[in-house]
Amino acid sequence: MLAALVTAQGDPIGQPITAEFANLAACEAQVKATVEALALVFEERTGPIRLQSAPVNAVKRGSGVWMVEFQRQSRTDPKIGEAAQSRNVRGVCRELGN
């Protein structure tokens, strides 16, 4: 598994996290949980203000990259949510070379 925290411009923040897994399903479960946890830890860096008590969900995109989706505060009314996506915390399962 390879998980990375990146800036809004796509530049890495620190070294990627790597780990070994027995199979792809185990890797996918771990990277999903990792991306969700990192999004909460680095919430102030990941994008617009999240609607109070709104969940953070990692969603796998077609390229295999996990990204965070959440409800952000509406610009016109902070009690109303609108869909948002953070690209700053991403994770991916890739086989590393031997």
N, C-alpha and C. Protein backbone atom coordinates (compact mmCIF):
# COMPACT_ATOMS: atom_id res chain seq x y z
N MET A 1 0.84 -1.17 0.00
CA MET A 1 0.00 0.00 0.00
C MET A 1 0.88 1.23 0.00
N LEU A 2 0.46 2.21 -0.72
CA LEU A 2 1.14 3.49 -0.73
C LEU A 2 0.10 4.55 -0.45
N ALA A 3 0.25 5.32 0.61
CA ALA A 3 -0.65 6.41 0.94
C ALA A 3 0.17 7.68 1.03
N ALA A 4 -0.38 8.78 0.55
CA ALA A 4 0.36 10.03 0.55
C ALA A 4 -0.54 11.19 0.96
N LEU A 5 0.05 12.16 1.64
CA LEU A 5 -0.61 13.41 1.98
C LEU A 5 0.01 14.46 1.09
N VAL A 6 -0.82 15.20 0.36
CA VAL A 6 -0.30 16.18 -0.60
C VAL A 6 -0.95 17.53 -0.38
N THR A 7 -0.29 18.56 -0.88
CA THR A 7 -0.85 19.90 -0.83
C THR A 7 -1.89 20.07 -1.93
N ALA A 8 -2.57 21.19 -1.92
CA ALA A 8 -3.58 21.47 -2.95
C ALA A 8 -2.97 21.47 -4.34
N GLN A 9 -1.69 21.78 -4.44
CA GLN A 9 -1.01 21.79 -5.73
C GLN A 9 -0.51 20.41 -6.13
N GLY A 10 -0.69 19.43 -5.24
CA GLY A 10 -0.25 18.07 -5.55
C GLY A 10 1.15 17.74 -5.07
N ASP A 11 1.79 18.68 -4.38
CA ASP A 11 3.14 18.42 -3.86
C ASP A 11 3.05 17.59 -2.59
N PRO A 12 3.92 16.60 -2.42
CA PRO A 12 3.85 15.75 -1.22
C PRO A 12 4.21 16.50 0.04
N ILE A 13 3.53 16.14 1.13
CA ILE A 13 3.88 16.63 2.46
C ILE A 13 4.53 15.45 3.16
N GLY A 14 5.83 15.42 3.20
CA GLY A 14 6.54 14.30 3.82
C GLY A 14 6.60 13.10 2.90
N GLN A 15 7.12 12.01 3.45
CA GLN A 15 7.28 10.77 2.70
C GLN A 15 5.97 10.00 2.64
N PRO A 16 5.72 9.28 1.55
CA PRO A 16 4.53 8.41 1.50
C PRO A 16 4.63 7.32 2.55
N ILE A 17 3.48 6.83 2.97
CA ILE A 17 3.39 5.73 3.92
C ILE A 17 3.31 4.44 3.12
N THR A 18 4.15 3.48 3.43
CA THR A 18 4.09 2.19 2.73
C THR A 18 3.90 1.08 3.74
N ALA A 19 3.20 0.03 3.34
CA ALA A 19 2.98 -1.14 4.19
C ALA A 19 2.77 -2.36 3.31
N GLU A 20 2.98 -3.54 3.87
CA GLU A 20 2.78 -4.78 3.13
C GLU A 20 1.47 -5.43 3.54
N PHE A 21 0.75 -6.01 2.57
CA PHE A 21 -0.52 -6.69 2.82
C PHE A 21 -0.56 -8.00 2.08
N ALA A 22 -1.34 -8.93 2.61
CA ALA A 22 -1.45 -10.26 2.00
C ALA A 22 -2.22 -10.22 0.69
N ASN A 23 -3.17 -9.27 0.57
CA ASN A 23 -3.97 -9.20 -0.65
C ASN A 23 -4.49 -7.78 -0.87
N LEU A 24 -5.08 -7.55 -2.03
CA LEU A 24 -5.56 -6.23 -2.39
C LEU A 24 -6.71 -5.78 -1.50
N ALA A 25 -7.61 -6.68 -1.12
CA ALA A 25 -8.75 -6.31 -0.28
C ALA A 25 -8.29 -5.76 1.07
N ALA A 26 -7.29 -6.37 1.66
CA ALA A 26 -6.75 -5.88 2.93
C ALA A 26 -6.12 -4.50 2.75
N CYS A 27 -5.42 -4.32 1.66
CA CYS A 27 -4.81 -3.02 1.36
C CYS A 27 -5.88 -1.95 1.18
N GLU A 28 -6.91 -2.27 0.39
CA GLU A 28 -7.97 -1.30 0.12
C GLU A 28 -8.68 -0.88 1.41
N ALA A 29 -8.96 -1.82 2.30
CA ALA A 29 -9.61 -1.50 3.57
C ALA A 29 -8.74 -0.57 4.41
N GLN A 30 -7.45 -0.85 4.45
CA GLN A 30 -6.54 -0.03 5.25
C GLN A 30 -6.36 1.36 4.66
N VAL A 31 -6.22 1.45 3.35
CA VAL A 31 -6.00 2.76 2.75
C VAL A 31 -7.25 3.63 2.89
N LYS A 32 -8.43 3.05 2.80
CA LYS A 32 -9.68 3.80 3.00
C LYS A 32 -9.71 4.39 4.41
N ALA A 33 -9.43 3.56 5.41
CA ALA A 33 -9.43 4.01 6.80
C ALA A 33 -8.34 5.07 7.04
N THR A 34 -7.18 4.88 6.44
CA THR A 34 -6.08 5.83 6.59
C THR A 34 -6.43 7.19 6.00
N VAL A 35 -7.00 7.19 4.81
CA VAL A 35 -7.37 8.45 4.15
C VAL A 35 -8.42 9.19 4.97
N GLU A 36 -9.42 8.47 5.48
CA GLU A 36 -10.44 9.12 6.31
C GLU A 36 -9.85 9.70 7.58
N ALA A 37 -8.96 8.94 8.23
CA ALA A 37 -8.33 9.43 9.46
C ALA A 37 -7.45 10.65 9.20
N LEU A 38 -6.64 10.59 8.15
CA LEU A 38 -5.77 11.73 7.82
C LEU A 38 -6.59 12.96 7.47
N ALA A 39 -7.71 12.77 6.80
CA ALA A 39 -8.57 13.91 6.44
C ALA A 39 -9.09 14.60 7.69
N LEU A 40 -9.42 13.83 8.71
CA LEU A 40 -9.89 14.44 9.96
C LEU A 40 -8.76 15.11 10.72
N VAL A 41 -7.59 14.48 10.74
CA VAL A 41 -6.44 15.06 11.44
C VAL A 41 -6.01 16.37 10.80
N PHE A 42 -5.99 16.40 9.47
CA PHE A 42 -5.52 17.58 8.75
C PHE A 42 -6.68 18.37 8.16
N GLU A 43 -7.82 18.34 8.83
CA GLU A 43 -9.04 18.93 8.29
C GLU A 43 -8.87 20.39 7.88
N GLU A 44 -8.18 21.16 8.66
CA GLU A 44 -8.03 22.58 8.33
C GLU A 44 -7.24 22.80 7.05
N ARG A 45 -6.46 21.80 6.62
CA ARG A 45 -5.68 21.92 5.39
C ARG A 45 -6.37 21.30 4.19
N THR A 46 -7.38 20.47 4.44
CA THR A 46 -7.93 19.66 3.35
C THR A 46 -8.99 20.36 2.52
N GLY A 47 -9.40 21.54 2.89
CA GLY A 47 -10.36 22.23 2.04
C GLY A 47 -11.38 23.03 2.82
N PRO A 48 -12.56 23.19 2.25
CA PRO A 48 -13.60 24.01 2.88
C PRO A 48 -14.03 23.45 4.24
N ILE A 49 -14.65 24.29 5.04
CA ILE A 49 -15.07 23.91 6.38
C ILE A 49 -16.17 22.86 6.29
N ARG A 50 -15.95 21.75 6.98
CA ARG A 50 -16.92 20.65 6.99
C ARG A 50 -18.14 21.05 7.80
N LEU A 51 -19.30 20.66 7.32
CA LEU A 51 -20.55 20.87 8.05
C LEU A 51 -20.44 20.14 9.39
N GLN A 52 -20.85 20.80 10.46
CA GLN A 52 -20.72 20.22 11.79
C GLN A 52 -21.38 18.84 11.85
N SER A 53 -20.67 17.89 12.38
CA SER A 53 -21.09 16.49 12.55
C SER A 53 -21.25 15.72 11.24
N ALA A 54 -20.86 16.29 10.12
CA ALA A 54 -20.94 15.57 8.84
C ALA A 54 -19.82 14.54 8.77
N PRO A 55 -20.12 13.34 8.26
CA PRO A 55 -19.07 12.32 8.15
C PRO A 55 -18.07 12.63 7.04
N VAL A 56 -16.92 12.02 7.14
CA VAL A 56 -15.89 12.08 6.11
C VAL A 56 -15.80 10.69 5.51
N ASN A 57 -15.96 10.57 4.20
CA ASN A 57 -15.95 9.26 3.54
C ASN A 57 -14.91 9.24 2.44
N ALA A 58 -14.07 8.21 2.48
CA ALA A 58 -13.12 8.00 1.39
C ALA A 58 -13.83 7.22 0.30
N VAL A 59 -13.68 7.68 -0.94
CA VAL A 59 -14.32 7.07 -2.10
C VAL A 59 -13.25 6.74 -3.12
N LYS A 60 -13.32 5.53 -3.66
CA LYS A 60 -12.33 5.10 -4.66
C LYS A 60 -12.76 5.60 -6.04
N ARG A 61 -11.87 6.29 -6.70
CA ARG A 61 -12.12 6.81 -8.04
C ARG A 61 -11.65 5.80 -9.09
N GLY A 62 -11.99 6.03 -10.33
CA GLY A 62 -11.67 5.13 -11.42
C GLY A 62 -10.19 4.81 -11.57
N SER A 63 -9.34 5.72 -11.17
CA SER A 63 -7.90 5.50 -11.27
C SER A 63 -7.35 4.67 -10.12
N GLY A 64 -8.24 4.30 -9.18
CA GLY A 64 -7.80 3.52 -8.02
C GLY A 64 -7.37 4.37 -6.84
N VAL A 65 -7.48 5.67 -6.97
CA VAL A 65 -7.07 6.59 -5.91
C VAL A 65 -8.26 6.87 -4.99
N TRP A 66 -8.01 6.77 -3.70
CA TRP A 66 -9.03 7.07 -2.69
C TRP A 66 -8.96 8.56 -2.36
N MET A 67 -10.11 9.23 -2.42
CA MET A 67 -10.20 10.65 -2.08
C MET A 67 -11.36 10.85 -1.11
N VAL A 68 -11.36 11.96 -0.43
CA VAL A 68 -12.34 12.23 0.62
C VAL A 68 -13.51 13.05 0.07
N GLU A 69 -14.71 12.61 0.43
CA GLU A 69 -15.92 13.38 0.14
C GLU A 69 -16.59 13.70 1.47
N PHE A 70 -17.21 14.88 1.54
CA PHE A 70 -17.88 15.31 2.76
C PHE A 70 -18.87 16.42 2.42
N GLN A 71 -19.68 16.80 3.39
CA GLN A 71 -20.59 17.93 3.24
C GLN A 71 -19.91 19.15 3.86
N ARG A 72 -19.71 20.19 3.06
CA ARG A 72 -19.10 21.40 3.60
C ARG A 72 -20.20 22.42 3.91
N GLN A 73 -19.81 23.41 4.69
CA GLN A 73 -20.76 24.48 5.00
C GLN A 73 -21.05 25.27 3.74
N SER A 74 -22.31 25.56 3.53
CA SER A 74 -22.71 26.39 2.40
C SER A 74 -22.14 27.79 2.60
N ARG A 75 -21.79 28.41 1.52
CA ARG A 75 -21.25 29.79 1.60
C ARG A 75 -22.31 30.78 2.04
N THR A 76 -23.57 30.47 1.78
CA THR A 76 -24.65 31.39 2.13
C THR A 76 -25.26 31.10 3.49
N ASP A 77 -25.19 29.85 3.97
CA ASP A 77 -25.76 29.47 5.26
C ASP A 77 -24.93 28.34 5.86
N PRO A 78 -24.17 28.60 6.94
CA PRO A 78 -23.29 27.58 7.51
C PRO A 78 -24.02 26.37 8.09
N LYS A 79 -25.35 26.41 8.19
CA LYS A 79 -26.12 25.27 8.70
C LYS A 79 -26.56 24.34 7.58
N ILE A 80 -26.33 24.75 6.34
CA ILE A 80 -26.71 23.94 5.17
C ILE A 80 -25.44 23.35 4.57
N GLY A 81 -25.51 22.09 4.19
CA GLY A 81 -24.35 21.43 3.60
C GLY A 81 -24.43 21.35 2.09
N GLU A 82 -23.28 21.31 1.47
CA GLU A 82 -23.18 21.05 0.04
C GLU A 82 -22.01 20.11 -0.19
N ALA A 83 -22.11 19.31 -1.22
CA ALA A 83 -21.09 18.29 -1.49
C ALA A 83 -19.74 18.93 -1.76
N ALA A 84 -18.70 18.31 -1.20
CA ALA A 84 -17.33 18.78 -1.43
C ALA A 84 -16.41 17.57 -1.50
N GLN A 85 -15.27 17.77 -2.11
CA GLN A 85 -14.27 16.72 -2.24
C GLN A 85 -12.91 17.33 -1.92
N SER A 86 -12.13 16.62 -1.14
CA SER A 86 -10.77 17.04 -0.84
C SER A 86 -9.81 16.21 -1.66
N ARG A 87 -8.92 16.87 -2.35
CA ARG A 87 -7.88 16.18 -3.10
C ARG A 87 -6.55 16.20 -2.35
N ASN A 88 -6.53 16.83 -1.19
CA ASN A 88 -5.28 16.98 -0.45
C ASN A 88 -4.85 15.72 0.28
N VAL A 89 -5.78 14.87 0.64
CA VAL A 89 -5.45 13.61 1.28
C VAL A 89 -5.89 12.52 0.32
N ARG A 90 -4.93 11.77 -0.17
CA ARG A 90 -5.23 10.71 -1.14
C ARG A 90 -4.47 9.45 -0.76
N GLY A 91 -5.02 8.33 -1.12
CA GLY A 91 -4.34 7.07 -0.87
C GLY A 91 -4.55 6.15 -2.06
N VAL A 92 -3.63 5.23 -2.23
CA VAL A 92 -3.73 4.30 -3.35
C VAL A 92 -3.03 3.00 -2.97
N CYS A 93 -3.56 1.91 -3.45
CA CYS A 93 -2.90 0.62 -3.28
C CYS A 93 -2.18 0.31 -4.58
N ARG A 94 -0.90 0.16 -4.49
CA ARG A 94 -0.08 -0.17 -5.66
C ARG A 94 0.93 -1.22 -5.24
N GLU A 95 1.21 -2.13 -6.13
CA GLU A 95 2.25 -3.12 -5.88
C GLU A 95 3.60 -2.44 -6.02
N LEU A 96 4.41 -2.58 -5.00
CA LEU A 96 5.74 -1.98 -5.05
C LEU A 96 6.71 -2.99 -5.65
N GLY A 97 7.70 -2.50 -6.37
CA GLY A 97 8.71 -3.38 -6.98
C GLY A 97 9.46 -4.19 -5.96
N ASN A 98 9.86 -5.38 -6.34
CA ASN A 98 10.58 -6.26 -5.40
C ASN A 98 12.03 -5.92 -5.34
